[in-house]
Amino acid sequence: MEKTKQGVSPTVPRHVAIIMDGNNRWAKKRLLPGVAGHKAGVDAVRAVIEVCAEAKVEVLTLFAFSSENWQRPAEEVGALMELFFSALRREAKRLNDNNISLRIIGDRSRFHPELQAAMREAEALTAGANRFILQIAANYGGQWDIAQAAQRLAREVQAGHLRPEDITPELLQTCLATGDLPLPDLCIRTGGERRISNFLLWQLAYAELYFSDLFWPDFKHEAMRNALADFASRQRRFGKTSEQVEAGARA
């Protein structure tokens, strides 16, 4: 079987992105408060990390909290912030022990200073890990990401370091929050919804989309392996014909 330059089968996605949906509905179905679903979802996060690491996926990006989630009831937002804070403190050492690097993308300015400090500490603790990258999108939105990249380039033009005609899709991509990482090959959404909800809008241009009816707390090892198997069965054409892709694979 053909190998990529990283030595991993091309049927394995280098970068998996997941919209973890259905926590509240999972809890409601069990007559529990919404935060109980988010707490139960932590076990699904661990399971998915284990499967991706075993499969030699290089990057896993999880959509933990969108820029639109601030509109939720204040009690739920507060509980989510507490859960995020405790999870960072609890899981950072475990990630580092397993050689997993943690990165957090999104606009951190709205988070409490104590939570911002916990983010920096968790990232610093795991900075030397190189087996796998776990990327958490928190107060993240795809439109925000493209806008901040455009602002960054506009400042370069204003300073005279760049001409407007020098701005290419490739250059803009390097200014995104994920600019130094491979683009997602596979995007999974749980909970039965069929949309990407302002997640990695630029980056998902050619990603394979996989939708699961399982609520996030129920998306464990087998479900993740099924998603990877589905990805492996697809032909990725990137605008080419099937015949061109097949001829390239034989070359």
C-alpha atoms as a PDB file:
ATOM      1  CA  MET A   1       0.000   0.000   0.000  1.00  0.00           C
ATOM      2  CA  GLU A   2       1.268   3.456  -0.875  1.00  0.00           C
ATOM      3  CA  LYS A   3       2.624   5.501   2.018  1.00  0.00           C
ATOM      4  CA  THR A   4       2.704   9.230   2.612  1.00  0.00           C
ATOM      5  CA  LYS A   5       5.981  10.947   3.442  1.00  0.00           C
ATOM      6  CA  GLN A   6       5.040  10.612   7.109  1.00  0.00           C
ATOM      7  CA  GLY A   7       4.875   6.827   6.674  1.00  0.00           C
ATOM      8  CA  VAL A   8       1.124   6.716   7.287  1.00  0.00           C
ATOM      9  CA  SER A   9      -1.350   5.160   4.880  1.00  0.00           C
ATOM     10  CA  PRO A  10      -3.167   7.833   2.792  1.00  0.00           C
ATOM     11  CA  THR A  11      -6.399   6.185   3.905  1.00  0.00           C
ATOM     12  CA  VAL A  12      -5.732   7.562   7.400  1.00  0.00           C
ATOM     13  CA  PRO A  13      -6.599  11.268   7.787  1.00  0.00           C
ATOM     14  CA  ARG A  14      -3.713  13.413   8.976  1.00  0.00           C
ATOM     15  CA  HIS A  15      -6.114  15.861  10.635  1.00  0.00           C
ATOM     16  CA  VAL A  16      -9.552  15.057  12.068  1.00  0.00           C
ATOM     17  CA  ALA A  17     -11.922  17.828  13.178  1.00  0.00           C
ATOM     18  CA  ILE A  18     -14.982  17.094  15.308  1.00  0.00           C
ATOM     19  CA  ILE A  19     -18.107  19.087  16.192  1.00  0.00           C
ATOM     20  CA  MET A  20     -19.088  17.498  19.500  1.00  0.00           C
ATOM     21  CA  ASP A  21     -22.860  17.931  19.401  1.00  0.00           C
ATOM     22  CA  GLY A  22     -25.681  16.414  21.434  1.00  0.00           C
ATOM     23  CA  ASN A  23     -24.499  16.786  25.032  1.00  0.00           C
ATOM     24  CA  ASN A  24     -27.616  18.674  26.145  1.00  0.00           C
ATOM     25  CA  ARG A  25     -29.986  16.317  24.354  1.00  0.00           C
ATOM     26  CA  TRP A  26     -28.168  13.317  25.868  1.00  0.00           C
ATOM     27  CA  ALA A  27     -28.735  14.790  29.329  1.00  0.00           C
ATOM     28  CA  LYS A  28     -32.345  15.803  28.642  1.00  0.00           C
ATOM     29  CA  LYS A  29     -33.159  12.274  27.505  1.00  0.00           C
ATOM     30  CA  ARG A  30     -31.996  11.088  30.936  1.00  0.00           C
ATOM     31  CA  LEU A  31     -33.797  13.891  32.825  1.00  0.00           C
ATOM     32  CA  LEU A  32     -30.449  15.367  33.869  1.00  0.00           C
ATOM     33  CA  PRO A  33     -29.208  18.977  33.778  1.00  0.00           C
ATOM     34  CA  GLY A  34     -27.411  19.977  30.589  1.00  0.00           C
ATOM     35  CA  VAL A  35     -23.995  20.171  32.229  1.00  0.00           C
ATOM     36  CA  ALA A  36     -24.253  16.436  33.021  1.00  0.00           C
ATOM     37  CA  GLY A  37     -24.075  15.796  29.275  1.00  0.00           C
ATOM     38  CA  HIS A  38     -20.944  17.901  28.954  1.00  0.00           C
ATOM     39  CA  LYS A  39     -19.325  16.025  31.842  1.00  0.00           C
ATOM     40  CA  ALA A  40     -20.258  12.691  30.241  1.00  0.00           C
ATOM     41  CA  GLY A  41     -18.757  13.948  26.998  1.00  0.00           C
ATOM     42  CA  VAL A  42     -15.281  14.015  28.558  1.00  0.00           C
ATOM     43  CA  ASP A  43     -15.185  10.208  28.360  1.00  0.00           C
ATOM     44  CA  ALA A  44     -15.959  10.411  24.628  1.00  0.00           C
ATOM     45  CA  VAL A  45     -13.074  12.868  24.204  1.00  0.00           C
ATOM     46  CA  ARG A  46     -10.699  10.398  25.839  1.00  0.00           C
ATOM     47  CA  ALA A  47     -11.974   7.533  23.659  1.00  0.00           C
ATOM     48  CA  VAL A  48     -11.592   9.522  20.428  1.00  0.00           C
ATOM     49  CA  ILE A  49      -8.075  10.642  21.390  1.00  0.00           C
ATOM     50  CA  GLU A  50      -7.102   7.007  22.011  1.00  0.00           C
ATOM     51  CA  VAL A  51      -8.422   5.823  18.642  1.00  0.00           C
ATOM     52  CA  CYS A  52      -6.847   8.703  16.704  1.00  0.00           C
ATOM     53  CA  ALA A  53      -3.479   8.234  18.393  1.00  0.00           C
ATOM     54  CA  GLU A  54      -3.553   4.482  17.687  1.00  0.00           C
ATOM     55  CA  ALA A  55      -4.440   5.143  14.026  1.00  0.00           C
ATOM     56  CA  LYS A  56      -1.543   7.622  13.754  1.00  0.00           C
ATOM     57  CA  VAL A  57      -3.738  10.624  13.056  1.00  0.00           C
ATOM     58  CA  GLU A  58      -1.473  13.655  13.515  1.00  0.00           C
ATOM     59  CA  VAL A  59      -3.954  16.320  14.631  1.00  0.00           C
ATOM     60  CA  LEU A  60      -7.356  16.179  16.317  1.00  0.00           C
ATOM     61  CA  THR A  61      -9.327  19.442  16.575  1.00  0.00           C
ATOM     62  CA  LEU A  62     -12.381  19.499  18.852  1.00  0.00           C
ATOM     63  CA  PHE A  63     -15.003  22.249  18.712  1.00  0.00           C
ATOM     64  CA  ALA A  64     -15.518  22.777  22.440  1.00  0.00           C
ATOM     65  CA  PHE A  65     -17.130  26.222  22.624  1.00  0.00           C
ATOM     66  CA  SER A  66     -18.182  28.414  19.717  1.00  0.00           C
ATOM     67  CA  SER A  67     -18.311  32.195  19.676  1.00  0.00           C
ATOM     68  CA  GLU A  68     -22.107  31.820  19.464  1.00  0.00           C
ATOM     69  CA  ASN A  69     -22.328  29.647  22.596  1.00  0.00           C
ATOM     70  CA  TRP A  70     -22.164  32.737  24.836  1.00  0.00           C
ATOM     71  CA  GLN A  71     -25.841  33.196  23.960  1.00  0.00           C
ATOM     72  CA  ARG A  72     -26.763  30.110  25.989  1.00  0.00           C
ATOM     73  CA  PRO A  73     -28.238  30.498  29.508  1.00  0.00           C
ATOM     74  CA  ALA A  74     -25.739  32.095  31.889  1.00  0.00           C
ATOM     75  CA  GLU A  75     -25.943  29.141  34.275  1.00  0.00           C
ATOM     76  CA  GLU A  76     -24.951  26.703  31.524  1.00  0.00           C
ATOM     77  CA  VAL A  77     -22.124  28.930  30.278  1.00  0.00           C
ATOM     78  CA  GLY A  78     -20.790  29.258  33.825  1.00  0.00           C
ATOM     79  CA  ALA A  79     -20.900  25.486  34.339  1.00  0.00           C
ATOM     80  CA  LEU A  80     -19.102  24.961  31.013  1.00  0.00           C
ATOM     81  CA  MET A  81     -16.351  27.377  32.010  1.00  0.00           C
ATOM     82  CA  GLU A  82     -15.877  25.562  35.326  1.00  0.00           C
ATOM     83  CA  LEU A  83     -15.758  22.213  33.507  1.00  0.00           C
ATOM     84  CA  PHE A  84     -13.230  23.563  31.005  1.00  0.00           C
ATOM     85  CA  PHE A  85     -11.058  24.931  33.812  1.00  0.00           C
ATOM     86  CA  SER A  86     -11.090  21.705  35.821  1.00  0.00           C
ATOM     87  CA  ALA A  87     -10.505  19.579  32.703  1.00  0.00           C
ATOM     88  CA  LEU A  88      -7.459  21.651  31.741  1.00  0.00           C
ATOM     89  CA  ARG A  89      -5.944  21.230  35.196  1.00  0.00           C
ATOM     90  CA  ARG A  90      -6.792  17.528  35.383  1.00  0.00           C
ATOM     91  CA  GLU A  91      -5.993  16.391  31.846  1.00  0.00           C
ATOM     92  CA  ALA A  92      -2.848  18.374  31.000  1.00  0.00           C
ATOM     93  CA  LYS A  93      -0.511  16.045  32.895  1.00  0.00           C
ATOM     94  CA  ARG A  94      -2.215  12.980  31.409  1.00  0.00           C
ATOM     95  CA  LEU A  95      -1.763  14.399  27.909  1.00  0.00           C
ATOM     96  CA  ASN A  96       1.893  15.143  28.555  1.00  0.00           C
ATOM     97  CA  ASP A  97       2.464  11.643  29.977  1.00  0.00           C
ATOM     98  CA  ASN A  98       1.072  10.265  26.713  1.00  0.00           C
ATOM     99  CA  ASN A  99       3.256  12.570  24.588  1.00  0.00           C
ATOM    100  CA  ILE A 100       0.235  14.574  23.360  1.00  0.00           C
ATOM    101  CA  SER A 101       0.605  18.302  22.740  1.00  0.00           C
ATOM    102  CA  LEU A 102      -2.336  20.571  23.614  1.00  0.00           C
ATOM    103  CA  ARG A 103      -3.158  23.701  21.642  1.00  0.00           C
ATOM    104  CA  ILE A 104      -6.111  26.030  22.106  1.00  0.00           C
ATOM    105  CA  ILE A 105      -7.397  28.195  19.260  1.00  0.00           C
ATOM    106  CA  GLY A 106      -9.947  30.989  19.361  1.00  0.00           C
ATOM    107  CA  ASP A 107     -10.369  34.453  20.867  1.00  0.00           C
ATOM    108  CA  ARG A 108      -9.309  34.085  24.513  1.00  0.00           C
ATOM    109  CA  SER A 109      -9.991  37.692  25.486  1.00  0.00           C
ATOM    110  CA  ARG A 110     -13.511  36.977  26.742  1.00  0.00           C
ATOM    111  CA  PHE A 111     -12.449  34.230  29.136  1.00  0.00           C
ATOM    112  CA  HIS A 112     -11.740  34.908  32.816  1.00  0.00           C
ATOM    113  CA  PRO A 113      -8.037  35.709  33.412  1.00  0.00           C
ATOM    114  CA  GLU A 114      -7.720  32.621  35.624  1.00  0.00           C
ATOM    115  CA  LEU A 115      -8.987  30.410  32.796  1.00  0.00           C
ATOM    116  CA  GLN A 116      -6.656  32.122  30.319  1.00  0.00           C
ATOM    117  CA  ALA A 117      -3.764  31.378  32.673  1.00  0.00           C
ATOM    118  CA  ALA A 118      -4.824  27.722  32.913  1.00  0.00           C
ATOM    119  CA  MET A 119      -4.827  27.533  29.104  1.00  0.00           C
ATOM    120  CA  ARG A 120      -1.289  28.904  28.895  1.00  0.00           C
ATOM    121  CA  GLU A 121      -0.069  26.557  31.632  1.00  0.00           C
ATOM    122  CA  ALA A 122      -1.592  23.467  29.965  1.00  0.00           C
ATOM    123  CA  GLU A 123      -0.087  24.399  26.606  1.00  0.00           C
ATOM    124  CA  ALA A 124       3.318  25.047  28.169  1.00  0.00           C
ATOM    125  CA  LEU A 125       3.272  21.748  30.055  1.00  0.00           C
ATOM    126  CA  THR A 126       2.614  19.746  26.878  1.00  0.00           C
ATOM    127  CA  ALA A 127       4.703  21.863  24.496  1.00  0.00           C
ATOM    128  CA  GLY A 128       7.437  19.247  24.147  1.00  0.00           C
ATOM    129  CA  ALA A 129       5.086  16.395  23.231  1.00  0.00           C
ATOM    130  CA  ASN A 130       5.338  15.234  19.619  1.00  0.00           C
ATOM    131  CA  ARG A 131       3.250  12.060  19.232  1.00  0.00           C
ATOM    132  CA  PHE A 132      -0.003  13.820  18.477  1.00  0.00           C
ATOM    133  CA  ILE A 133      -1.591  17.302  18.610  1.00  0.00           C
ATOM    134  CA  LEU A 134      -4.901  17.842  20.394  1.00  0.00           C
ATOM    135  CA  GLN A 135      -6.334  21.192  19.373  1.00  0.00           C
ATOM    136  CA  ILE A 136      -9.282  22.668  21.274  1.00  0.00           C
ATOM    137  CA  ALA A 137     -11.385  25.368  19.595  1.00  0.00           C
ATOM    138  CA  ALA A 138     -12.731  27.599  22.370  1.00  0.00           C
ATOM    139  CA  ASN A 139     -14.609  30.849  21.718  1.00  0.00           C
ATOM    140  CA  TYR A 140     -13.793  30.050  18.119  1.00  0.00           C
ATOM    141  CA  GLY A 141     -15.702  30.872  14.948  1.00  0.00           C
ATOM    142  CA  GLY A 142     -14.680  30.307  11.355  1.00  0.00           C
ATOM    143  CA  GLN A 143     -15.714  33.822  10.347  1.00  0.00           C
ATOM    144  CA  TRP A 144     -13.669  35.283  13.209  1.00  0.00           C
ATOM    145  CA  ASP A 145     -10.674  33.230  12.095  1.00  0.00           C
ATOM    146  CA  ILE A 146     -10.824  34.499   8.501  1.00  0.00           C
ATOM    147  CA  ALA A 147     -11.379  38.088   9.710  1.00  0.00           C
ATOM    148  CA  GLN A 148      -8.385  38.020  12.076  1.00  0.00           C
ATOM    149  CA  ALA A 149      -6.233  36.609   9.263  1.00  0.00           C
ATOM    150  CA  ALA A 150      -7.392  39.425   6.952  1.00  0.00           C
ATOM    151  CA  GLN A 151      -6.648  42.012   9.656  1.00  0.00           C
ATOM    152  CA  ARG A 152      -3.169  40.597  10.117  1.00  0.00           C
ATOM    153  CA  LEU A 153      -2.464  40.878   6.393  1.00  0.00           C
ATOM    154  CA  ALA A 154      -3.979  44.373   6.240  1.00  0.00           C
ATOM    155  CA  ARG A 155      -1.546  45.510   8.944  1.00  0.00           C
ATOM    156  CA  GLU A 156       1.336  44.122   6.875  1.00  0.00           C
ATOM    157  CA  VAL A 157       0.109  46.069   3.836  1.00  0.00           C
ATOM    158  CA  GLN A 158      -0.352  49.219   5.938  1.00  0.00           C
ATOM    159  CA  ALA A 159       3.204  48.878   7.257  1.00  0.00           C
ATOM    160  CA  GLY A 160       4.538  48.563   3.703  1.00  0.00           C
ATOM    161  CA  HIS A 161       5.757  44.989   4.186  1.00  0.00           C
ATOM    162  CA  LEU A 162       3.273  43.527   1.715  1.00  0.00           C
ATOM    163  CA  ARG A 163       1.479  44.567  -1.456  1.00  0.00           C
ATOM    164  CA  PRO A 164      -2.242  43.790  -1.856  1.00  0.00           C
ATOM    165  CA  GLU A 165      -1.463  41.718  -4.966  1.00  0.00           C
ATOM    166  CA  ASP A 166       0.879  39.566  -2.871  1.00  0.00           C
ATOM    167  CA  ILE A 167      -2.054  38.243  -0.864  1.00  0.00           C
ATOM    168  CA  THR A 168      -2.866  34.760  -2.121  1.00  0.00           C
ATOM    169  CA  PRO A 169      -5.104  32.029  -0.706  1.00  0.00           C
ATOM    170  CA  GLU A 170      -1.934  30.228   0.377  1.00  0.00           C
ATOM    171  CA  LEU A 171      -0.659  33.271   2.281  1.00  0.00           C
ATOM    172  CA  LEU A 172      -3.992  33.939   3.960  1.00  0.00           C
ATOM    173  CA  GLN A 173      -4.156  30.305   5.026  1.00  0.00           C
ATOM    174  CA  THR A 174      -0.875  30.653   6.923  1.00  0.00           C
ATOM    175  CA  CYS A 175      -2.449  33.452   8.981  1.00  0.00           C
ATOM    176  CA  LEU A 176      -5.356  31.333  10.198  1.00  0.00           C
ATOM    177  CA  ALA A 177      -5.343  29.929  13.733  1.00  0.00           C
ATOM    178  CA  THR A 178      -4.380  26.540  12.269  1.00  0.00           C
ATOM    179  CA  GLY A 179      -1.946  27.963   9.714  1.00  0.00           C
ATOM    180  CA  ASP A 180       1.018  25.783  10.635  1.00  0.00           C
ATOM    181  CA  LEU A 181      -0.951  22.511  10.592  1.00  0.00           C
ATOM    182  CA  PRO A 182      -2.250  20.270   7.792  1.00  0.00           C
ATOM    183  CA  LEU A 183      -5.796  21.047   6.703  1.00  0.00           C
ATOM    184  CA  PRO A 184      -8.497  18.756   8.127  1.00  0.00           C
ATOM    185  CA  ASP A 185      -9.093  15.691   5.970  1.00  0.00           C
ATOM    186  CA  LEU A 186     -12.165  14.554   7.877  1.00  0.00           C
ATOM    187  CA  CYS A 187     -14.812  16.531   9.759  1.00  0.00           C
ATOM    188  CA  ILE A 188     -17.191  14.609  12.022  1.00  0.00           C
ATOM    189  CA  ARG A 189     -20.379  15.978  13.549  1.00  0.00           C
ATOM    190  CA  THR A 190     -22.340  14.015  16.118  1.00  0.00           C
ATOM    191  CA  GLY A 191     -25.897  14.535  17.326  1.00  0.00           C
ATOM    192  CA  GLY A 192     -27.703  14.089  14.018  1.00  0.00           C
ATOM    193  CA  GLU A 193     -27.322  17.640  12.677  1.00  0.00           C
ATOM    194  CA  ARG A 194     -26.065  18.172   9.109  1.00  0.00           C
ATOM    195  CA  ARG A 195     -24.197  21.481   9.171  1.00  0.00           C
ATOM    196  CA  ILE A 196     -20.760  22.797  10.139  1.00  0.00           C
ATOM    197  CA  SER A 197     -21.945  25.730  12.297  1.00  0.00           C
ATOM    198  CA  ASN A 198     -19.167  28.251  11.623  1.00  0.00           C
ATOM    199  CA  PHE A 199     -16.408  25.724  12.362  1.00  0.00           C
ATOM    200  CA  LEU A 200     -13.117  25.955  10.405  1.00  0.00           C
ATOM    201  CA  LEU A 201     -14.923  27.464   7.407  1.00  0.00           C
ATOM    202  CA  TRP A 202     -11.805  27.992   5.288  1.00  0.00           C
ATOM    203  CA  GLN A 203     -10.034  24.840   6.415  1.00  0.00           C
ATOM    204  CA  LEU A 204     -12.903  22.453   5.629  1.00  0.00           C
ATOM    205  CA  ALA A 205     -13.073  23.398   1.931  1.00  0.00           C
ATOM    206  CA  TYR A 206     -12.062  19.884   0.798  1.00  0.00           C
ATOM    207  CA  ALA A 207     -12.601  17.874   3.976  1.00  0.00           C
ATOM    208  CA  GLU A 208     -14.721  14.755   3.905  1.00  0.00           C
ATOM    209  CA  LEU A 209     -17.853  15.253   6.031  1.00  0.00           C
ATOM    210  CA  TYR A 210     -19.159  12.488   8.281  1.00  0.00           C
ATOM    211  CA  PHE A 211     -22.382  12.823  10.265  1.00  0.00           C
ATOM    212  CA  SER A 212     -23.353  10.560  13.141  1.00  0.00           C
ATOM    213  CA  ASP A 213     -26.765  10.345  14.804  1.00  0.00           C
ATOM    214  CA  LEU A 214     -25.098   9.435  18.113  1.00  0.00           C
ATOM    215  CA  PHE A 215     -25.065  12.097  20.794  1.00  0.00           C
ATOM    216  CA  TRP A 216     -21.492  13.069  21.673  1.00  0.00           C
ATOM    217  CA  PRO A 217     -21.312  11.215  25.057  1.00  0.00           C
ATOM    218  CA  ASP A 218     -22.151   7.991  23.166  1.00  0.00           C
ATOM    219  CA  PHE A 219     -19.518   8.506  20.454  1.00  0.00           C
ATOM    220  CA  LYS A 220     -16.814   6.183  21.775  1.00  0.00           C
ATOM    221  CA  HIS A 221     -14.122   3.858  20.389  1.00  0.00           C
ATOM    222  CA  GLU A 222     -16.250   1.840  17.955  1.00  0.00           C
ATOM    223  CA  ALA A 223     -17.996   4.913  16.576  1.00  0.00           C
ATOM    224  CA  MET A 224     -14.676   6.643  15.947  1.00  0.00           C
ATOM    225  CA  ARG A 225     -13.232   3.571  14.252  1.00  0.00           C
ATOM    226  CA  ASN A 226     -16.344   3.426  12.030  1.00  0.00           C
ATOM    227  CA  ALA A 227     -15.793   7.053  11.005  1.00  0.00           C
ATOM    228  CA  LEU A 228     -12.161   6.354  10.099  1.00  0.00           C
ATOM    229  CA  ALA A 229     -13.195   3.264   8.141  1.00  0.00           C
ATOM    230  CA  ASP A 230     -15.762   5.320   6.227  1.00  0.00           C
ATOM    231  CA  PHE A 231     -13.073   7.884   5.390  1.00  0.00           C
ATOM    232  CA  ALA A 232     -10.762   5.135   4.142  1.00  0.00           C
ATOM    233  CA  SER A 233     -13.464   3.951   1.708  1.00  0.00           C
ATOM    234  CA  ARG A 234     -13.849   7.328  -0.007  1.00  0.00           C
ATOM    235  CA  GLN A 235     -12.088   8.588  -3.097  1.00  0.00           C
ATOM    236  CA  ARG A 236     -10.834  12.141  -2.643  1.00  0.00           C
ATOM    237  CA  ARG A 237     -10.704  13.893  -6.011  1.00  0.00           C
ATOM    238  CA  PHE A 238      -9.951  17.579  -5.230  1.00  0.00           C
ATOM    239  CA  GLY A 239     -11.604  18.655  -8.487  1.00  0.00           C
ATOM    240  CA  LYS A 240     -10.111  15.883 -10.619  1.00  0.00           C
ATOM    241  CA  THR A 241     -11.960  12.998 -12.253  1.00  0.00           C
ATOM    242  CA  SER A 242     -11.954   9.498 -10.811  1.00  0.00           C
ATOM    243  CA  GLU A 243      -9.829   8.363 -13.746  1.00  0.00           C
ATOM    244  CA  GLN A 244      -7.178  11.014 -13.035  1.00  0.00           C
ATOM    245  CA  VAL A 245      -7.035  10.075  -9.346  1.00  0.00           C
ATOM    246  CA  GLU A 246      -6.718   6.376 -10.166  1.00  0.00           C
ATOM    247  CA  ALA A 247      -4.008   7.039 -12.753  1.00  0.00           C
ATOM    248  CA  GLY A 248      -2.088   9.133 -10.240  1.00  0.00           C
ATOM    249  CA  ALA A 249      -2.317   6.378  -7.644  1.00  0.00           C
ATOM    250  CA  ARG A 250      -0.816   3.886 -10.131  1.00  0.00           C
ATOM    251  CA  ALA A 251       2.017   6.212 -11.134  1.00  0.00           C
END
